[in-house]
């Protein structure tokens, strides 16, 4: 099943942090209640890694108010064979 990194930014104010954290915790979604936050280090974002069927499902996991600022990346891994194949086919990925 595909894995996605969801990054959700919010404004760099105490009120914005509190609101974002509260919304995530109130959703009841296991994924959202276990988000990792960068606020205490000055990076006002939450990160979640999920296994879902599609990027669309990952987008829909984000509370509606935060979707416009969400960035979603499908994750993958590489093997040494993948790297060897890439070297044989420059420009392909």
PDB file of N, CA and C in Angstrom:
ATOM      1  N   UNK A   1       0.848  -1.174   0.000  1.00  0.00           N
ATOM      2  CA  UNK A   1       0.000   0.000   0.000  1.00  0.00           C
ATOM      3  C   UNK A   1       0.894   1.237   0.000  1.00  0.00           C
ATOM      4  N   UNK A   2       0.547   2.235  -0.775  1.00  0.00           N
ATOM      5  CA  UNK A   2       1.363   3.448  -0.826  1.00  0.00           C
ATOM      6  C   UNK A   2       1.453   4.156   0.529  1.00  0.00           C
ATOM      7  N   UNK A   3       2.614   4.785   0.752  1.00  0.00           N
ATOM      8  CA  UNK A   3       2.832   5.575   1.971  1.00  0.00           C
ATOM      9  C   UNK A   3       2.956   7.032   1.570  1.00  0.00           C
ATOM     10  N   UNK A   4       2.425   7.905   2.433  1.00  0.00           N
ATOM     11  CA  UNK A   4       2.449   9.331   2.159  1.00  0.00           C
ATOM     12  C   UNK A   4       2.929  10.090   3.380  1.00  0.00           C
ATOM     13  N   UNK A   5       3.729  11.131   3.119  1.00  0.00           N
ATOM     14  CA  UNK A   5       4.110  12.093   4.146  1.00  0.00           C
ATOM     15  C   UNK A   5       3.187  13.283   3.967  1.00  0.00           C
ATOM     16  N   UNK A   6       2.457  13.616   5.024  1.00  0.00           N
ATOM     17  CA  UNK A   6       1.582  14.774   5.013  1.00  0.00           C
ATOM     18  C   UNK A   6       2.226  15.837   5.887  1.00  0.00           C
ATOM     19  N   UNK A   7       2.430  17.011   5.315  1.00  0.00           N
ATOM     20  CA  UNK A   7       3.002  18.136   6.044  1.00  0.00           C
ATOM     21  C   UNK A   7       1.952  19.238   6.060  1.00  0.00           C
ATOM     22  N   UNK A   8       1.606  19.685   7.258  1.00  0.00           N
ATOM     23  CA  UNK A   8       0.568  20.705   7.404  1.00  0.00           C
ATOM     24  C   UNK A   8       1.157  21.893   8.156  1.00  0.00           C
ATOM     25  N   UNK A   9       1.230  23.027   7.473  1.00  0.00           N
ATOM     26  CA  UNK A   9       1.780  24.243   8.071  1.00  0.00           C
ATOM     27  C   UNK A   9       0.667  25.080   8.698  1.00  0.00           C
ATOM     28  N   UNK A  10       1.066  25.881   9.674  1.00  0.00           N
ATOM     29  CA  UNK A  10       0.154  26.869  10.251  1.00  0.00           C
ATOM     30  C   UNK A  10       0.973  28.101  10.635  1.00  0.00           C
ATOM     31  N   UNK A  11       0.275  29.181  10.934  1.00  0.00           N
ATOM     32  CA  UNK A  11       0.963  30.433  11.259  1.00  0.00           C
ATOM     33  C   UNK A  11       1.798  30.292  12.529  1.00  0.00           C
ATOM     34  N   UNK A  12       2.803  31.137  12.634  1.00  0.00           N
ATOM     35  CA  UNK A  12       3.771  31.080  13.740  1.00  0.00           C
ATOM     36  C   UNK A  12       3.333  31.932  14.923  1.00  0.00           C
ATOM     37  N   UNK A  13       2.114  31.691  15.401  1.00  0.00           N
ATOM     38  CA  UNK A  13       1.638  32.369  16.608  1.00  0.00           C
ATOM     39  C   UNK A  13       1.175  31.324  17.598  1.00  0.00           C
ATOM     40  N   UNK A  14       1.171  31.689  18.863  1.00  0.00           N
ATOM     41  CA  UNK A  14       0.691  30.763  19.899  1.00  0.00           C
ATOM     42  C   UNK A  14      -0.744  30.362  19.622  1.00  0.00           C
ATOM     43  N   UNK A  15      -1.556  31.325  19.199  1.00  0.00           N
ATOM     44  CA  UNK A  15      -2.969  31.035  18.922  1.00  0.00           C
ATOM     45  C   UNK A  15      -3.113  30.044  17.767  1.00  0.00           C
ATOM     46  N   UNK A  16      -2.319  30.228  16.716  1.00  0.00           N
ATOM     47  CA  UNK A  16      -2.396  29.326  15.567  1.00  0.00           C
ATOM     48  C   UNK A  16      -1.932  27.922  15.937  1.00  0.00           C
ATOM     49  N   UNK A  17      -0.872  27.832  16.735  1.00  0.00           N
ATOM     50  CA  UNK A  17      -0.390  26.523  17.187  1.00  0.00           C
ATOM     51  C   UNK A  17      -1.473  25.821  18.008  1.00  0.00           C
ATOM     52  N   UNK A  18      -2.011  26.545  18.969  1.00  0.00           N
ATOM     53  CA  UNK A  18      -3.027  25.972  19.846  1.00  0.00           C
ATOM     54  C   UNK A  18      -4.238  25.505  19.037  1.00  0.00           C
ATOM     55  N   UNK A  19      -4.655  26.319  18.086  1.00  0.00           N
ATOM     56  CA  UNK A  19      -5.809  25.962  17.255  1.00  0.00           C
ATOM     57  C   UNK A  19      -5.517  24.706  16.429  1.00  0.00           C
ATOM     58  N   UNK A  20      -4.366  24.679  15.779  1.00  0.00           N
ATOM     59  CA  UNK A  20      -4.028  23.527  14.941  1.00  0.00           C
ATOM     60  C   UNK A  20      -3.959  22.242  15.760  1.00  0.00           C
ATOM     61  N   UNK A  21      -3.277  22.300  16.881  1.00  0.00           N
ATOM     62  CA  UNK A  21      -3.149  21.108  17.730  1.00  0.00           C
ATOM     63  C   UNK A  21      -4.518  20.664  18.230  1.00  0.00           C
ATOM     64  N   UNK A  22      -5.329  21.620  18.648  1.00  0.00           N
ATOM     65  CA  UNK A  22      -6.676  21.301  19.143  1.00  0.00           C
ATOM     66  C   UNK A  22      -7.522  20.638  18.058  1.00  0.00           C
ATOM     67  N   UNK A  23      -7.486  21.178  16.854  1.00  0.00           N
ATOM     68  CA  UNK A  23      -8.262  20.593  15.751  1.00  0.00           C
ATOM     69  C   UNK A  23      -7.797  19.173  15.473  1.00  0.00           C
ATOM     70  N   UNK A  24      -6.495  18.956  15.422  1.00  0.00           N
ATOM     71  CA  UNK A  24      -5.982  17.615  15.160  1.00  0.00           C
ATOM     72  C   UNK A  24      -6.410  16.639  16.255  1.00  0.00           C
ATOM     73  N   UNK A  25      -6.296  17.052  17.502  1.00  0.00           N
ATOM     74  CA  UNK A  25      -6.650  16.155  18.606  1.00  0.00           C
ATOM     75  C   UNK A  25      -8.151  15.882  18.659  1.00  0.00           C
ATOM     76  N   UNK A  26      -8.967  16.857  18.317  1.00  0.00           N
ATOM     77  CA  UNK A  26     -10.422  16.681  18.374  1.00  0.00           C
ATOM     78  C   UNK A  26     -10.965  15.822  17.248  1.00  0.00           C
ATOM     79  N   UNK A  27     -10.185  15.606  16.184  1.00  0.00           N
ATOM     80  CA  UNK A  27     -10.693  14.815  15.064  1.00  0.00           C
ATOM     81  C   UNK A  27     -10.957  13.374  15.476  1.00  0.00           C
ATOM     82  N   UNK A  28     -10.191  12.901  16.428  1.00  0.00           N
ATOM     83  CA  UNK A  28     -10.331  11.511  16.843  1.00  0.00           C
ATOM     84  C   UNK A  28      -9.602  10.547  15.928  1.00  0.00           C
ATOM     85  N   UNK A  29      -9.082  11.040  14.799  1.00  0.00           N
ATOM     86  CA  UNK A  29      -8.356  10.176  13.879  1.00  0.00           C
ATOM     87  C   UNK A  29      -7.037   9.760  14.508  1.00  0.00           C
ATOM     88  N   UNK A  30      -6.766   8.484  14.510  1.00  0.00           N
ATOM     89  CA  UNK A  30      -5.503   7.971  15.057  1.00  0.00           C
ATOM     90  C   UNK A  30      -4.313   8.661  14.395  1.00  0.00           C
ATOM     91  N   UNK A  31      -4.393   8.832  13.075  1.00  0.00           N
ATOM     92  CA  UNK A  31      -3.286   9.457  12.351  1.00  0.00           C
ATOM     93  C   UNK A  31      -3.039  10.872  12.862  1.00  0.00           C
ATOM     94  N   UNK A  32      -4.098  11.661  12.996  1.00  0.00           N
ATOM     95  CA  UNK A  32      -3.942  13.062  13.369  1.00  0.00           C
ATOM     96  C   UNK A  32      -3.551  13.230  14.826  1.00  0.00           C
ATOM     97  N   UNK A  33      -4.054  12.361  15.692  1.00  0.00           N
ATOM     98  CA  UNK A  33      -3.717  12.496  17.107  1.00  0.00           C
ATOM     99  C   UNK A  33      -2.284  12.063  17.389  1.00  0.00           C
ATOM    100  N   UNK A  34      -1.646  11.433  16.415  1.00  0.00           N
ATOM    101  CA  UNK A  34      -0.251  11.014  16.577  1.00  0.00           C
ATOM    102  C   UNK A  34       0.696  11.780  15.652  1.00  0.00           C
ATOM    103  N   UNK A  35       0.285  12.968  15.249  1.00  0.00           N
ATOM    104  CA  UNK A  35       1.142  13.806  14.401  1.00  0.00           C
ATOM    105  C   UNK A  35       2.375  14.239  15.183  1.00  0.00           C
ATOM    106  N   UNK A  36       3.437  14.497  14.467  1.00  0.00           N
ATOM    107  CA  UNK A  36       4.648  15.082  15.049  1.00  0.00           C
ATOM    108  C   UNK A  36       4.652  16.566  14.700  1.00  0.00           C
ATOM    109  N   UNK A  37       5.043  17.378  15.662  1.00  0.00           N
ATOM    110  CA  UNK A  37       4.981  18.836  15.526  1.00  0.00           C
ATOM    111  C   UNK A  37       6.364  19.455  15.659  1.00  0.00           C
ATOM    112  N   UNK A  38       6.612  20.538  14.925  1.00  0.00           N
ATOM    113  CA  UNK A  38       7.882  21.242  15.000  1.00  0.00           C
ATOM    114  C   UNK A  38       7.798  22.593  15.696  1.00  0.00           C
ATOM    115  N   UNK A  39       6.647  22.920  16.258  1.00  0.00           N
ATOM    116  CA  UNK A  39       6.403  24.252  16.833  1.00  0.00           C
ATOM    117  C   UNK A  39       7.435  24.651  17.889  1.00  0.00           C
ATOM    118  N   UNK A  40       7.787  23.739  18.769  1.00  0.00           N
ATOM    119  CA  UNK A  40       8.717  24.088  19.844  1.00  0.00           C
ATOM    120  C   UNK A  40      10.113  24.402  19.329  1.00  0.00           C
ATOM    121  N   UNK A  41      10.383  24.034  18.067  1.00  0.00           N
ATOM    122  CA  UNK A  41      11.676  24.339  17.460  1.00  0.00           C
ATOM    123  C   UNK A  41      11.550  25.446  16.416  1.00  0.00           C
ATOM    124  N   UNK A  42      10.394  26.116  16.409  1.00  0.00           N
ATOM    125  CA  UNK A  42      10.189  27.229  15.493  1.00  0.00           C
ATOM    126  C   UNK A  42       9.750  26.851  14.089  1.00  0.00           C
ATOM    127  N   UNK A  43       9.479  25.576  13.840  1.00  0.00           N
ATOM    128  CA  UNK A  43       9.000  25.127  12.528  1.00  0.00           C
ATOM    129  C   UNK A  43       7.529  24.769  12.687  1.00  0.00           C
ATOM    130  N   UNK A  44       6.661  25.654  12.303  1.00  0.00           N
ATOM    131  CA  UNK A  44       5.236  25.542  12.613  1.00  0.00           C
ATOM    132  C   UNK A  44       4.503  24.667  11.603  1.00  0.00           C
ATOM    133  N   UNK A  45       4.765  23.373  11.760  1.00  0.00           N
ATOM    134  CA  UNK A  45       4.192  22.353  10.889  1.00  0.00           C
ATOM    135  C   UNK A  45       3.930  21.090  11.701  1.00  0.00           C
ATOM    136  N   UNK A  46       3.010  20.293  11.166  1.00  0.00           N
ATOM    137  CA  UNK A  46       2.781  18.945  11.680  1.00  0.00           C
ATOM    138  C   UNK A  46       3.132  17.972  10.560  1.00  0.00           C
ATOM    139  N   UNK A  47       3.653  16.808  10.937  1.00  0.00           N
ATOM    140  CA  UNK A  47       3.982  15.778   9.962  1.00  0.00           C
ATOM    141  C   UNK A  47       3.321  14.471  10.367  1.00  0.00           C
ATOM    142  N   UNK A  48       2.819  13.781   9.365  1.00  0.00           N
ATOM    143  CA  UNK A  48       2.158  12.498   9.573  1.00  0.00           C
ATOM    144  C   UNK A  48       2.586  11.586   8.422  1.00  0.00           C
ATOM    145  N   UNK A  49       2.898  10.350   8.726  1.00  0.00           N
ATOM    146  CA  UNK A  49       3.152   9.358   7.678  1.00  0.00           C
ATOM    147  C   UNK A  49       2.022   8.339   7.762  1.00  0.00           C
ATOM    148  N   UNK A  50       1.367   8.128   6.618  1.00  0.00           N
ATOM    149  CA  UNK A  50       0.206   7.234   6.577  1.00  0.00           C
ATOM    150  C   UNK A  50       0.314   6.266   5.411  1.00  0.00           C
ATOM    151  N   UNK A  51      -0.343   5.143   5.562  1.00  0.00           N
ATOM    152  CA  UNK A  51      -0.502   4.198   4.459  1.00  0.00           C
ATOM    153  C   UNK A  51      -1.952   4.280   4.021  1.00  0.00           C
ATOM    154  N   UNK A  52      -2.169   4.757   2.814  1.00  0.00           N
ATOM    155  CA  UNK A  52      -3.507   4.894   2.253  1.00  0.00           C
ATOM    156  C   UNK A  52      -3.448   4.511   0.780  1.00  0.00           C
ATOM    157  N   UNK A  53      -4.605   4.349   0.171  1.00  0.00           N
ATOM    158  CA  UNK A  53      -4.651   3.917  -1.223  1.00  0.00           C
ATOM    159  C   UNK A  53      -4.264   4.994  -2.221  1.00  0.00           C
ATOM    160  N   UNK A  54      -4.425   6.280  -1.848  1.00  0.00           N
ATOM    161  CA  UNK A  54      -4.169   7.329  -2.831  1.00  0.00           C
ATOM    162  C   UNK A  54      -3.799   8.651  -2.171  1.00  0.00           C
ATOM    163  N   UNK A  55      -3.213   9.526  -2.964  1.00  0.00           N
ATOM    164  CA  UNK A  55      -2.893  10.874  -2.506  1.00  0.00           C
ATOM    165  C   UNK A  55      -4.188  11.610  -2.151  1.00  0.00           C
ATOM    166  N   UNK A  56      -5.246  11.340  -2.896  1.00  0.00           N
ATOM    167  CA  UNK A  56      -6.552  11.949  -2.618  1.00  0.00           C
ATOM    168  C   UNK A  56      -7.035  11.576  -1.213  1.00  0.00           C
ATOM    169  N   UNK A  57      -6.889  10.314  -0.832  1.00  0.00           N
ATOM    170  CA  UNK A  57      -7.273   9.893   0.526  1.00  0.00           C
ATOM    171  C   UNK A  57      -6.420  10.608   1.570  1.00  0.00           C
ATOM    172  N   UNK A  58      -5.147  10.769   1.291  1.00  0.00           N
ATOM    173  CA  UNK A  58      -4.264  11.471   2.223  1.00  0.00           C
ATOM    174  C   UNK A  58      -4.709  12.928   2.374  1.00  0.00           C
ATOM    175  N   UNK A  59      -5.050  13.566   1.271  1.00  0.00           N
ATOM    176  CA  UNK A  59      -5.532  14.949   1.316  1.00  0.00           C
ATOM    177  C   UNK A  59      -6.806  15.045   2.148  1.00  0.00           C
ATOM    178  N   UNK A  60      -7.698  14.081   1.976  1.00  0.00           N
ATOM    179  CA  UNK A  60      -8.968  14.109   2.710  1.00  0.00           C
ATOM    180  C   UNK A  60      -8.807  13.824   4.201  1.00  0.00           C
ATOM    181  N   UNK A  61      -7.678  13.265   4.589  1.00  0.00           N
ATOM    182  CA  UNK A  61      -7.413  13.020   6.004  1.00  0.00           C
ATOM    183  C   UNK A  61      -7.175  14.334   6.748  1.00  0.00           C
ATOM    184  N   UNK A  62      -6.657  15.324   6.052  1.00  0.00           N
ATOM    185  CA  UNK A  62      -6.337  16.621   6.654  1.00  0.00           C
ATOM    186  C   UNK A  62      -7.638  17.378   6.924  1.00  0.00           C
ATOM    187  N   UNK A  63      -7.788  17.946   8.134  1.00  0.00           N
ATOM    188  CA  UNK A  63      -8.984  18.743   8.407  1.00  0.00           C
ATOM    189  C   UNK A  63      -9.165  19.832   7.346  1.00  0.00           C
ATOM    190  N   UNK A  64     -10.399  20.076   6.951  1.00  0.00           N
ATOM    191  CA  UNK A  64     -10.724  20.955   5.820  1.00  0.00           C
ATOM    192  C   UNK A  64     -10.046  22.315   5.887  1.00  0.00           C
ATOM    193  N   UNK A  65      -9.998  22.928   7.066  1.00  0.00           N
ATOM    194  CA  UNK A  65      -9.391  24.262   7.189  1.00  0.00           C
ATOM    195  C   UNK A  65      -7.904  24.265   6.873  1.00  0.00           C
ATOM    196  N   UNK A  66      -7.251  23.114   6.975  1.00  0.00           N
ATOM    197  CA  UNK A  66      -5.803  23.043   6.780  1.00  0.00           C
ATOM    198  C   UNK A  66      -5.413  22.466   5.422  1.00  0.00           C
ATOM    199  N   UNK A  67      -6.363  21.968   4.660  1.00  0.00           N
ATOM    200  CA  UNK A  67      -6.045  21.337   3.364  1.00  0.00           C
ATOM    201  C   UNK A  67      -5.315  22.257   2.397  1.00  0.00           C
ATOM    202  N   UNK A  68      -5.703  23.547   2.298  1.00  0.00           N
ATOM    203  CA  UNK A  68      -4.995  24.392   1.333  1.00  0.00           C
ATOM    204  C   UNK A  68      -3.494  24.536   1.615  1.00  0.00           C
ATOM    205  N   UNK A  69      -3.077  24.378   2.855  1.00  0.00           N
ATOM    206  CA  UNK A  69      -1.660  24.530   3.197  1.00  0.00           C
ATOM    207  C   UNK A  69      -0.950  23.185   3.363  1.00  0.00           C
ATOM    208  N   UNK A  70      -1.669  22.104   3.127  1.00  0.00           N
ATOM    209  CA  UNK A  70      -1.071  20.776   3.288  1.00  0.00           C
ATOM    210  C   UNK A  70      -0.228  20.427   2.062  1.00  0.00           C
ATOM    211  N   UNK A  71       0.885  19.778   2.315  1.00  0.00           N
ATOM    212  CA  UNK A  71       1.767  19.295   1.255  1.00  0.00           C
ATOM    213  C   UNK A  71       1.879  17.786   1.430  1.00  0.00           C
ATOM    214  N   UNK A  72       1.574  17.054   0.385  1.00  0.00           N
ATOM    215  CA  UNK A  72       1.549  15.589   0.479  1.00  0.00           C
ATOM    216  C   UNK A  72       2.521  15.004  -0.533  1.00  0.00           C
ATOM    217  N   UNK A  73       3.366  14.090  -0.051  1.00  0.00           N
ATOM    218  CA  UNK A  73       4.379  13.455  -0.889  1.00  0.00           C
ATOM    219  C   UNK A  73       4.240  11.944  -0.761  1.00  0.00           C
ATOM    220  N   UNK A  74       4.131  11.265  -1.899  1.00  0.00           N
ATOM    221  CA  UNK A  74       4.148   9.806  -1.849  1.00  0.00           C
ATOM    222  C   UNK A  74       5.588   9.372  -1.629  1.00  0.00           C
ATOM    223  N   UNK A  75       5.782   8.523  -0.648  1.00  0.00           N
ATOM    224  CA  UNK A  75       7.123   8.058  -0.281  1.00  0.00           C
ATOM    225  C   UNK A  75       7.462   6.757  -0.994  1.00  0.00           C
ATOM    226  N   UNK A  76       8.726   6.569  -1.236  1.00  0.00           N
ATOM    227  CA  UNK A  76       9.195   5.306  -1.800  1.00  0.00           C
ATOM    228  C   UNK A  76      10.579   5.013  -1.240  1.00  0.00           C
ATOM    229  N   UNK A  77      11.004   3.815  -1.432  1.00  0.00           N
ATOM    230  CA  UNK A  77      12.352   3.419  -1.045  1.00  0.00           C
ATOM    231  C   UNK A  77      13.089   2.975  -2.307  1.00  0.00           C
ATOM    232  N   UNK A  78      14.406   2.911  -2.211  1.00  0.00           N
ATOM    233  CA  UNK A  78      15.224   2.445  -3.319  1.00  0.00           C
ATOM    234  C   UNK A  78      16.114   1.321  -2.838  1.00  0.00           C
ATOM    235  N   UNK A  79      16.316   0.370  -3.711  1.00  0.00           N
ATOM    236  CA  UNK A  79      17.269  -0.702  -3.455  1.00  0.00           C
ATOM    237  C   UNK A  79      18.534  -0.409  -4.253  1.00  0.00           C
ATOM    238  N   UNK A  80      19.591  -1.131  -3.972  1.00  0.00           N
ATOM    239  CA  UNK A  80      20.812  -0.950  -4.759  1.00  0.00           C
ATOM    240  C   UNK A  80      20.561  -1.329  -6.223  1.00  0.00           C
ATOM    241  N   UNK A  81      19.673  -2.279  -6.457  1.00  0.00           N
ATOM    242  CA  UNK A  81      19.328  -2.639  -7.838  1.00  0.00           C
ATOM    243  C   UNK A  81      18.609  -1.491  -8.526  1.00  0.00           C
ATOM    244  N   UNK A  82      17.720  -0.798  -7.812  1.00  0.00           N
ATOM    245  CA  UNK A  82      17.045   0.377  -8.386  1.00  0.00           C
ATOM    246  C   UNK A  82      18.061   1.427  -8.820  1.00  0.00           C
ATOM    247  N   UNK A  83      19.069   1.659  -7.995  1.00  0.00           N
ATOM    248  CA  UNK A  83      20.096   2.649  -8.312  1.00  0.00           C
ATOM    249  C   UNK A  83      20.885   2.207  -9.545  1.00  0.00           C
ATOM    250  N   UNK A  84      21.219   0.942  -9.597  1.00  0.00           N
ATOM    251  CA  UNK A  84      21.947   0.431 -10.759  1.00  0.00           C
ATOM    252  C   UNK A  84      21.106   0.608 -12.028  1.00  0.00           C
ATOM    253  N   UNK A  85      19.819   0.327 -11.944  1.00  0.00           N
ATOM    254  CA  UNK A  85      18.927   0.509 -13.094  1.00  0.00           C
ATOM    255  C   UNK A  85      18.859   1.979 -13.508  1.00  0.00           C
ATOM    256  N   UNK A  86      18.816   2.884 -12.535  1.00  0.00           N
ATOM    257  CA  UNK A  86      18.771   4.312 -12.828  1.00  0.00           C
ATOM    258  C   UNK A  86      20.040   4.776 -13.537  1.00  0.00           C
ATOM    259  N   UNK A  87      21.179   4.226 -13.130  1.00  0.00           N
ATOM    260  CA  UNK A  87      22.440   4.593 -13.782  1.00  0.00           C
ATOM    261  C   UNK A  87      22.434   4.157 -15.260  1.00  0.00           C
ATOM    262  N   UNK A  88      21.768   3.078 -15.540  1.00  0.00           N
ATOM    263  CA  UNK A  88      21.703   2.585 -16.913  1.00  0.00           C
ATOM    264  C   UNK A  88      20.713   3.388 -17.765  1.00  0.00           C
ATOM    265  N   UNK A  89      19.772   4.097 -17.098  1.00  0.00           N
ATOM    266  CA  UNK A  89      18.758   4.855 -17.832  1.00  0.00           C
ATOM    267  C   UNK A  89      18.771   6.302 -17.352  1.00  0.00           C
ATOM    268  N   UNK A  90      19.736   7.092 -17.743  1.00  0.00           N
ATOM    269  CA  UNK A  90      19.796   8.490 -17.303  1.00  0.00           C
ATOM    270  C   UNK A  90      18.519   9.241 -17.648  1.00  0.00           C
ATOM    271  N   UNK A  91      18.088  10.056 -16.713  1.00  0.00           N
ATOM    272  CA  UNK A  91      16.885  10.866 -16.922  1.00  0.00           C
ATOM    273  C   UNK A  91      15.594  10.156 -16.567  1.00  0.00           C
ATOM    274  N   UNK A  92      15.633   8.872 -16.271  1.00  0.00           N
ATOM    275  CA  UNK A  92      14.409   8.140 -15.926  1.00  0.00           C
ATOM    276  C   UNK A  92      14.248   8.059 -14.418  1.00  0.00           C
ATOM    277  N   UNK A  93      13.084   8.431 -13.917  1.00  0.00           N
ATOM    278  CA  UNK A  93      12.715   8.210 -12.509  1.00  0.00           C
ATOM    279  C   UNK A  93      11.276   8.376 -12.301  1.00  0.00           C
TER     280      UNK A  93
END
